[in-house]
Every structure is written in structure tokens, then in C-alpha cells.
Amino acid sequence: MVGKEIRFSEDFIKRMERRMEFFKQADEKGIKQWIEVEVVKHDNLLSEASTRGGDITWFSDEPASQGGSGKGVSPLAYFLSSIGLCQFVHYAEHASTRKIPLKSLRMVVRGKFSIAHPRSFEEISYEVFIESDADKDTVSWLAQRAADDCYVTNTLKKACSVRGVIIHNGEKLLELA
């Protein structure tokens, strides 16, 4: 699933520069914020979630083969996707403000979990596939910074093993733990 080259509009870049300045100040001052999500239960295994005051709604379900209606992504798939979705926000912040060219960016996330009690993930691994004309040092810096800035990655590391592999232009570049 490779799309067209990733582009950042001038407006987006300016917004990210302001955002990065805010994060710099937050680091200096130790600023904390809250996020709130509301989840509403529907029939069978279907649930609906939205951010408070937001205009985005998403659904979670299970496949029909597991008793669901297939109207949404499973909770575990949402959970695992959050590491990539969060890191990609930080890739975009840094790539746009540092003018790092990205042809494509893709992540595959795998989670090993215990079905027996206590049910939890024991290990999460991910591979980031980066196509870029940037040099290896720049791509290494970008990948490390995106992982270091990611709320989801850092939270999961407190609970289980999280490992990442960065692949730049088809060649293994870096391992992150």
C-alpha cells in the first residue's frame, strides 16, 4: 500500500513550526493536558467512540466469524494501529519543519498477547518502511525522534517490550527499543 509522494503544504508547515515551538515550551515548563474520549455501546460487539467536543466518530467491532457484525475495526487492531498513527504525527511534524523529503512511509505493527488471564500484550514490534532521498543519518534522526516523541510508544514501553526496526529505501537502517 504505497501512495504518492508525501507532501506538506506551506500552511501545514507553519502550523507545525508553531506546534514544535509549543512543545519546546511544554518541555521547559512540564505542561500536561487531558484528552477525553466517550464510548457508547451498541448491539452485540459494536461500540462507537468520539472525542469530546470533536467532530470525529469511529466504530469498533469484531469480524462476523467472531460474533461481530464487521462494522468496525477490532479493539486490539485499533490499539496496535495507535502506535503507527501516533508516530506518523511526529514524523509529519519533524519532516515538514526540517524539510526532510518523504516518498512513502508505512508501518507494520505486530502484537503478541496472552489469551489466558491476565490478558495483556506481552510484546509489540513494528517495522517502519521509509522511502526517502534523505541521507541515512537524517532518516535515523527522524525515526528516533518520532518514536521518542510518541505518547503511545512511550506508554506501551512501560507495560511491555516494544521494539522497532527502521527500513530506509529497502535496507535495514536502525533498531529501536
C-alpha atoms as a PDB file:
ATOM      1  CA  MET A   1       0.000   0.000   0.000  1.00  0.00           C
ATOM      2  CA  VAL A   2       2.315   2.734  -1.278  1.00  0.00           C
ATOM      3  CA  GLY A   3       0.738   6.018  -2.281  1.00  0.00           C
ATOM      4  CA  LYS A   4       2.047   9.097  -3.940  1.00  0.00           C
ATOM      5  CA  GLU A   5       4.912  11.118  -2.503  1.00  0.00           C
ATOM      6  CA  ILE A   6       4.111  12.706   0.841  1.00  0.00           C
ATOM      7  CA  ARG A   7       3.715  16.464   0.611  1.00  0.00           C
ATOM      8  CA  PHE A   8       3.303  19.172   3.231  1.00  0.00           C
ATOM      9  CA  SER A   9       1.519  22.416   2.380  1.00  0.00           C
ATOM     10  CA  GLU A  10       3.074  25.740   3.394  1.00  0.00           C
ATOM     11  CA  ASP A  11       0.151  26.346   5.782  1.00  0.00           C
ATOM     12  CA  PHE A  12       0.743  22.944   7.376  1.00  0.00           C
ATOM     13  CA  ILE A  13       4.476  23.626   7.761  1.00  0.00           C
ATOM     14  CA  LYS A  14       3.773  26.954   9.503  1.00  0.00           C
ATOM     15  CA  ARG A  15       1.287  25.275  11.826  1.00  0.00           C
ATOM     16  CA  MET A  16       3.833  22.565  12.632  1.00  0.00           C
ATOM     17  CA  GLU A  17       6.534  25.171  13.331  1.00  0.00           C
ATOM     18  CA  ARG A  18       4.184  26.823  15.863  1.00  0.00           C
ATOM     19  CA  ARG A  19       3.325  23.397  17.276  1.00  0.00           C
ATOM     20  CA  MET A  20       7.008  22.494  17.670  1.00  0.00           C
ATOM     21  CA  GLU A  21       7.616  25.797  19.493  1.00  0.00           C
ATOM     22  CA  PHE A  22       4.702  24.970  21.824  1.00  0.00           C
ATOM     23  CA  PHE A  23       6.224  21.526  22.514  1.00  0.00           C
ATOM     24  CA  LYS A  24       9.582  23.129  23.260  1.00  0.00           C
ATOM     25  CA  GLN A  25       7.913  25.385  25.827  1.00  0.00           C
ATOM     26  CA  ALA A  26       5.948  22.423  27.210  1.00  0.00           C
ATOM     27  CA  ASP A  27       9.239  20.559  27.751  1.00  0.00           C
ATOM     28  CA  GLU A  28      10.656  23.549  29.611  1.00  0.00           C
ATOM     29  CA  LYS A  29       7.548  24.092  31.763  1.00  0.00           C
ATOM     30  CA  GLY A  30       6.353  20.491  32.170  1.00  0.00           C
ATOM     31  CA  ILE A  31       2.910  21.243  30.699  1.00  0.00           C
ATOM     32  CA  LYS A  32       0.310  18.479  30.920  1.00  0.00           C
ATOM     33  CA  GLN A  33      -3.080  18.161  29.206  1.00  0.00           C
ATOM     34  CA  TRP A  34      -6.071  15.838  29.197  1.00  0.00           C
ATOM     35  CA  ILE A  35      -7.812  14.125  26.305  1.00  0.00           C
ATOM     36  CA  GLU A  36     -11.270  12.661  26.723  1.00  0.00           C
ATOM     37  CA  VAL A  37     -12.984  10.054  24.583  1.00  0.00           C
ATOM     38  CA  GLU A  38     -16.585   8.958  25.001  1.00  0.00           C
ATOM     39  CA  VAL A  39     -17.537   5.372  24.111  1.00  0.00           C
ATOM     40  CA  VAL A  40     -21.166   4.310  23.601  1.00  0.00           C
ATOM     41  CA  LYS A  41     -22.183   0.629  23.477  1.00  0.00           C
ATOM     42  CA  HIS A  42     -24.372  -0.554  20.593  1.00  0.00           C
ATOM     43  CA  ASP A  43     -25.819  -4.006  19.916  1.00  0.00           C
ATOM     44  CA  ASN A  44     -23.707  -7.140  20.192  1.00  0.00           C
ATOM     45  CA  LEU A  45     -19.991  -6.278  19.916  1.00  0.00           C
ATOM     46  CA  LEU A  46     -20.361  -2.901  18.181  1.00  0.00           C
ATOM     47  CA  SER A  47     -19.256   0.242  20.038  1.00  0.00           C
ATOM     48  CA  GLU A  48     -18.950   3.868  18.967  1.00  0.00           C
ATOM     49  CA  ALA A  49     -16.291   6.313  20.132  1.00  0.00           C
ATOM     50  CA  SER A  50     -15.761  10.045  19.717  1.00  0.00           C
ATOM     51  CA  THR A  51     -13.617  12.770  21.210  1.00  0.00           C
ATOM     52  CA  ARG A  52     -15.429  15.204  23.474  1.00  0.00           C
ATOM     53  CA  GLY A  53     -16.190  18.335  21.529  1.00  0.00           C
ATOM     54  CA  GLY A  54     -14.761  16.777  18.385  1.00  0.00           C
ATOM     55  CA  ASP A  55     -16.381  16.048  15.082  1.00  0.00           C
ATOM     56  CA  ILE A  56     -14.871  12.603  14.504  1.00  0.00           C
ATOM     57  CA  THR A  57     -16.607   9.326  15.332  1.00  0.00           C
ATOM     58  CA  TRP A  58     -15.224   5.833  14.894  1.00  0.00           C
ATOM     59  CA  PHE A  59     -16.536   2.336  15.488  1.00  0.00           C
ATOM     60  CA  SER A  60     -15.141  -0.852  16.938  1.00  0.00           C
ATOM     61  CA  ASP A  61     -16.499  -4.320  16.324  1.00  0.00           C
ATOM     62  CA  GLU A  62     -15.296  -7.835  15.653  1.00  0.00           C
ATOM     63  CA  PRO A  63     -15.465  -9.833  12.432  1.00  0.00           C
ATOM     64  CA  ALA A  64     -18.652 -11.822  11.844  1.00  0.00           C
ATOM     65  CA  SER A  65     -16.623 -15.014  12.353  1.00  0.00           C
ATOM     66  CA  GLN A  66     -16.093 -13.927  15.975  1.00  0.00           C
ATOM     67  CA  GLY A  67     -19.647 -12.830  16.735  1.00  0.00           C
ATOM     68  CA  GLY A  68     -19.456  -9.256  15.489  1.00  0.00           C
ATOM     69  CA  SER A  69     -21.108  -7.542  12.571  1.00  0.00           C
ATOM     70  CA  GLY A  70     -17.865  -6.419  10.930  1.00  0.00           C
ATOM     71  CA  LYS A  71     -18.897  -2.750  11.102  1.00  0.00           C
ATOM     72  CA  GLY A  72     -15.666  -1.610  12.681  1.00  0.00           C
ATOM     73  CA  VAL A  73     -12.082  -2.487  13.461  1.00  0.00           C
ATOM     74  CA  SER A  74     -11.455  -4.779  16.439  1.00  0.00           C
ATOM     75  CA  PRO A  75     -10.327  -3.079  19.667  1.00  0.00           C
ATOM     76  CA  LEU A  76      -6.949  -4.858  19.506  1.00  0.00           C
ATOM     77  CA  ALA A  77      -6.370  -3.685  15.925  1.00  0.00           C
ATOM     78  CA  TYR A  78      -7.232  -0.112  16.958  1.00  0.00           C
ATOM     79  CA  PHE A  79      -4.865  -0.437  19.895  1.00  0.00           C
ATOM     80  CA  LEU A  80      -1.985  -1.647  17.741  1.00  0.00           C
ATOM     81  CA  SER A  81      -2.638   0.895  14.998  1.00  0.00           C
ATOM     82  CA  SER A  82      -2.327   3.710  17.536  1.00  0.00           C
ATOM     83  CA  ILE A  83       1.458   3.275  17.718  1.00  0.00           C
ATOM     84  CA  GLY A  84       1.783   3.914  13.980  1.00  0.00           C
ATOM     85  CA  LEU A  85      -0.833   6.640  13.855  1.00  0.00           C
ATOM     86  CA  CYS A  86       0.828   8.493  16.737  1.00  0.00           C
ATOM     87  CA  GLN A  87       4.388   8.101  15.441  1.00  0.00           C
ATOM     88  CA  PHE A  88       3.300   9.301  11.994  1.00  0.00           C
ATOM     89  CA  VAL A  89       2.035  12.549  13.532  1.00  0.00           C
ATOM     90  CA  HIS A  90       5.569  13.093  14.814  1.00  0.00           C
ATOM     91  CA  TYR A  91       7.164  12.045  11.516  1.00  0.00           C
ATOM     92  CA  ALA A  92       4.997  14.712   9.836  1.00  0.00           C
ATOM     93  CA  GLU A  93       5.909  17.371  12.413  1.00  0.00           C
ATOM     94  CA  HIS A  94       9.637  16.861  12.021  1.00  0.00           C
ATOM     95  CA  ALA A  95       9.789  16.034   8.308  1.00  0.00           C
ATOM     96  CA  SER A  96       7.753  19.106   7.415  1.00  0.00           C
ATOM     97  CA  THR A  97       9.630  21.569   9.625  1.00  0.00           C
ATOM     98  CA  ARG A  98      13.071  20.154   8.746  1.00  0.00           C
ATOM     99  CA  LYS A  99      12.296  19.822   5.021  1.00  0.00           C
ATOM    100  CA  ILE A 100      13.016  16.071   5.043  1.00  0.00           C
ATOM    101  CA  PRO A 101      11.615  14.562   1.823  1.00  0.00           C
ATOM    102  CA  LEU A 102       9.401  11.501   2.211  1.00  0.00           C
ATOM    103  CA  LYS A 103       8.373   9.454  -0.806  1.00  0.00           C
ATOM    104  CA  SER A 104       6.439   6.970   1.311  1.00  0.00           C
ATOM    105  CA  LEU A 105       6.066   5.967   4.934  1.00  0.00           C
ATOM    106  CA  ARG A 106       4.450   2.720   6.059  1.00  0.00           C
ATOM    107  CA  MET A 107       4.417   0.785   9.336  1.00  0.00           C
ATOM    108  CA  VAL A 108       3.559  -2.826  10.098  1.00  0.00           C
ATOM    109  CA  VAL A 109       2.769  -3.463  13.785  1.00  0.00           C
ATOM    110  CA  ARG A 110       2.601  -6.903  15.424  1.00  0.00           C
ATOM    111  CA  GLY A 111       1.438  -7.693  18.927  1.00  0.00           C
ATOM    112  CA  LYS A 112       1.935 -10.889  20.913  1.00  0.00           C
ATOM    113  CA  PHE A 113      -0.747 -11.218  23.570  1.00  0.00           C
ATOM    114  CA  SER A 114      -1.925 -13.716  26.128  1.00  0.00           C
ATOM    115  CA  ILE A 115      -5.436 -15.046  25.638  1.00  0.00           C
ATOM    116  CA  ALA A 116      -5.249 -16.581  29.121  1.00  0.00           C
ATOM    117  CA  HIS A 117      -5.717 -14.380  32.188  1.00  0.00           C
ATOM    118  CA  PRO A 118      -4.295 -11.927  32.864  1.00  0.00           C
ATOM    119  CA  ARG A 119      -4.997 -10.889  29.277  1.00  0.00           C
ATOM    120  CA  SER A 120      -2.462  -8.397  28.015  1.00  0.00           C
ATOM    121  CA  PHE A 121       0.082  -7.702  25.326  1.00  0.00           C
ATOM    122  CA  GLU A 122       3.483  -9.174  26.118  1.00  0.00           C
ATOM    123  CA  GLU A 123       5.386  -7.790  23.170  1.00  0.00           C
ATOM    124  CA  ILE A 124       4.802  -5.279  20.407  1.00  0.00           C
ATOM    125  CA  SER A 125       7.080  -4.909  17.418  1.00  0.00           C
ATOM    126  CA  TYR A 126       6.900  -2.658  14.427  1.00  0.00           C
ATOM    127  CA  GLU A 127       8.681  -2.097  11.159  1.00  0.00           C
ATOM    128  CA  VAL A 128       8.748   1.330   9.539  1.00  0.00           C
ATOM    129  CA  PHE A 129       9.345   1.370   5.802  1.00  0.00           C
ATOM    130  CA  ILE A 130      10.661   4.762   4.688  1.00  0.00           C
ATOM    131  CA  GLU A 131      11.326   5.721   1.101  1.00  0.00           C
ATOM    132  CA  SER A 132      13.262   8.986   1.074  1.00  0.00           C
ATOM    133  CA  ASP A 133      16.056  10.763  -0.745  1.00  0.00           C
ATOM    134  CA  ALA A 134      17.343  11.995   2.625  1.00  0.00           C
ATOM    135  CA  ASP A 135      20.639  10.545   3.853  1.00  0.00           C
ATOM    136  CA  LYS A 136      20.782   7.730   6.399  1.00  0.00           C
ATOM    137  CA  ASP A 137      21.739   9.989   9.324  1.00  0.00           C
ATOM    138  CA  THR A 138      18.772  12.263   8.673  1.00  0.00           C
ATOM    139  CA  VAL A 139      16.353   9.350   8.372  1.00  0.00           C
ATOM    140  CA  SER A 140      17.789   7.752  11.531  1.00  0.00           C
ATOM    141  CA  TRP A 141      17.321  11.026  13.413  1.00  0.00           C
ATOM    142  CA  LEU A 142      13.749  11.364  12.114  1.00  0.00           C
ATOM    143  CA  ALA A 143      12.791   7.796  13.059  1.00  0.00           C
ATOM    144  CA  GLN A 144      14.339   8.047  16.521  1.00  0.00           C
ATOM    145  CA  ARG A 145      12.728  11.426  17.173  1.00  0.00           C
ATOM    146  CA  ALA A 146       9.274  10.278  16.003  1.00  0.00           C
ATOM    147  CA  ALA A 147       9.452   7.240  18.315  1.00  0.00           C
ATOM    148  CA  ASP A 148      10.800   9.318  21.219  1.00  0.00           C
ATOM    149  CA  ASP A 149       8.020  11.909  20.833  1.00  0.00           C
ATOM    150  CA  CYS A 150       5.226   9.319  20.540  1.00  0.00           C
ATOM    151  CA  TYR A 151       2.886   9.169  23.540  1.00  0.00           C
ATOM    152  CA  VAL A 152       1.679   5.691  22.605  1.00  0.00           C
ATOM    153  CA  THR A 153       5.168   4.215  22.130  1.00  0.00           C
ATOM    154  CA  ASN A 154       6.411   5.635  25.425  1.00  0.00           C
ATOM    155  CA  THR A 155       3.331   4.475  27.342  1.00  0.00           C
ATOM    156  CA  LEU A 156       3.497   0.967  25.910  1.00  0.00           C
ATOM    157  CA  LYS A 157       7.191   0.676  26.802  1.00  0.00           C
ATOM    158  CA  LYS A 158       6.148   0.974  30.452  1.00  0.00           C
ATOM    159  CA  ALA A 159       3.883  -2.063  30.074  1.00  0.00           C
ATOM    160  CA  CYS A 160       5.646  -4.480  27.721  1.00  0.00           C
ATOM    161  CA  SER A 161       8.528  -4.943  25.329  1.00  0.00           C
ATOM    162  CA  VAL A 162       8.341  -2.572  22.353  1.00  0.00           C
ATOM    163  CA  ARG A 163      10.848  -2.929  19.530  1.00  0.00           C
ATOM    164  CA  GLY A 164      11.099  -1.167  16.210  1.00  0.00           C
ATOM    165  CA  VAL A 165      13.025  -1.718  13.010  1.00  0.00           C
ATOM    166  CA  ILE A 166      13.541   1.111  10.554  1.00  0.00           C
ATOM    167  CA  ILE A 167      13.973   0.193   6.892  1.00  0.00           C
ATOM    168  CA  HIS A 168      15.200   3.018   4.637  1.00  0.00           C
ATOM    169  CA  ASN A 169      14.890   2.540   0.892  1.00  0.00           C
ATOM    170  CA  GLY A 170      14.652  -1.228   1.359  1.00  0.00           C
ATOM    171  CA  GLU A 171      17.702  -1.523   3.630  1.00  0.00           C
ATOM    172  CA  LYS A 172      17.618  -2.134   7.400  1.00  0.00           C
ATOM    173  CA  LEU A 173      18.857   1.083   8.953  1.00  0.00           C
ATOM    174  CA  LEU A 174      18.143   1.086  12.667  1.00  0.00           C
ATOM    175  CA  GLU A 175      16.659  -0.878  15.550  1.00  0.00           C
ATOM    176  CA  LEU A 176      14.766   0.944  18.277  1.00  0.00           C
ATOM    177  CA  ALA A 177      13.985  -0.413  21.724  1.00  0.00           C
END
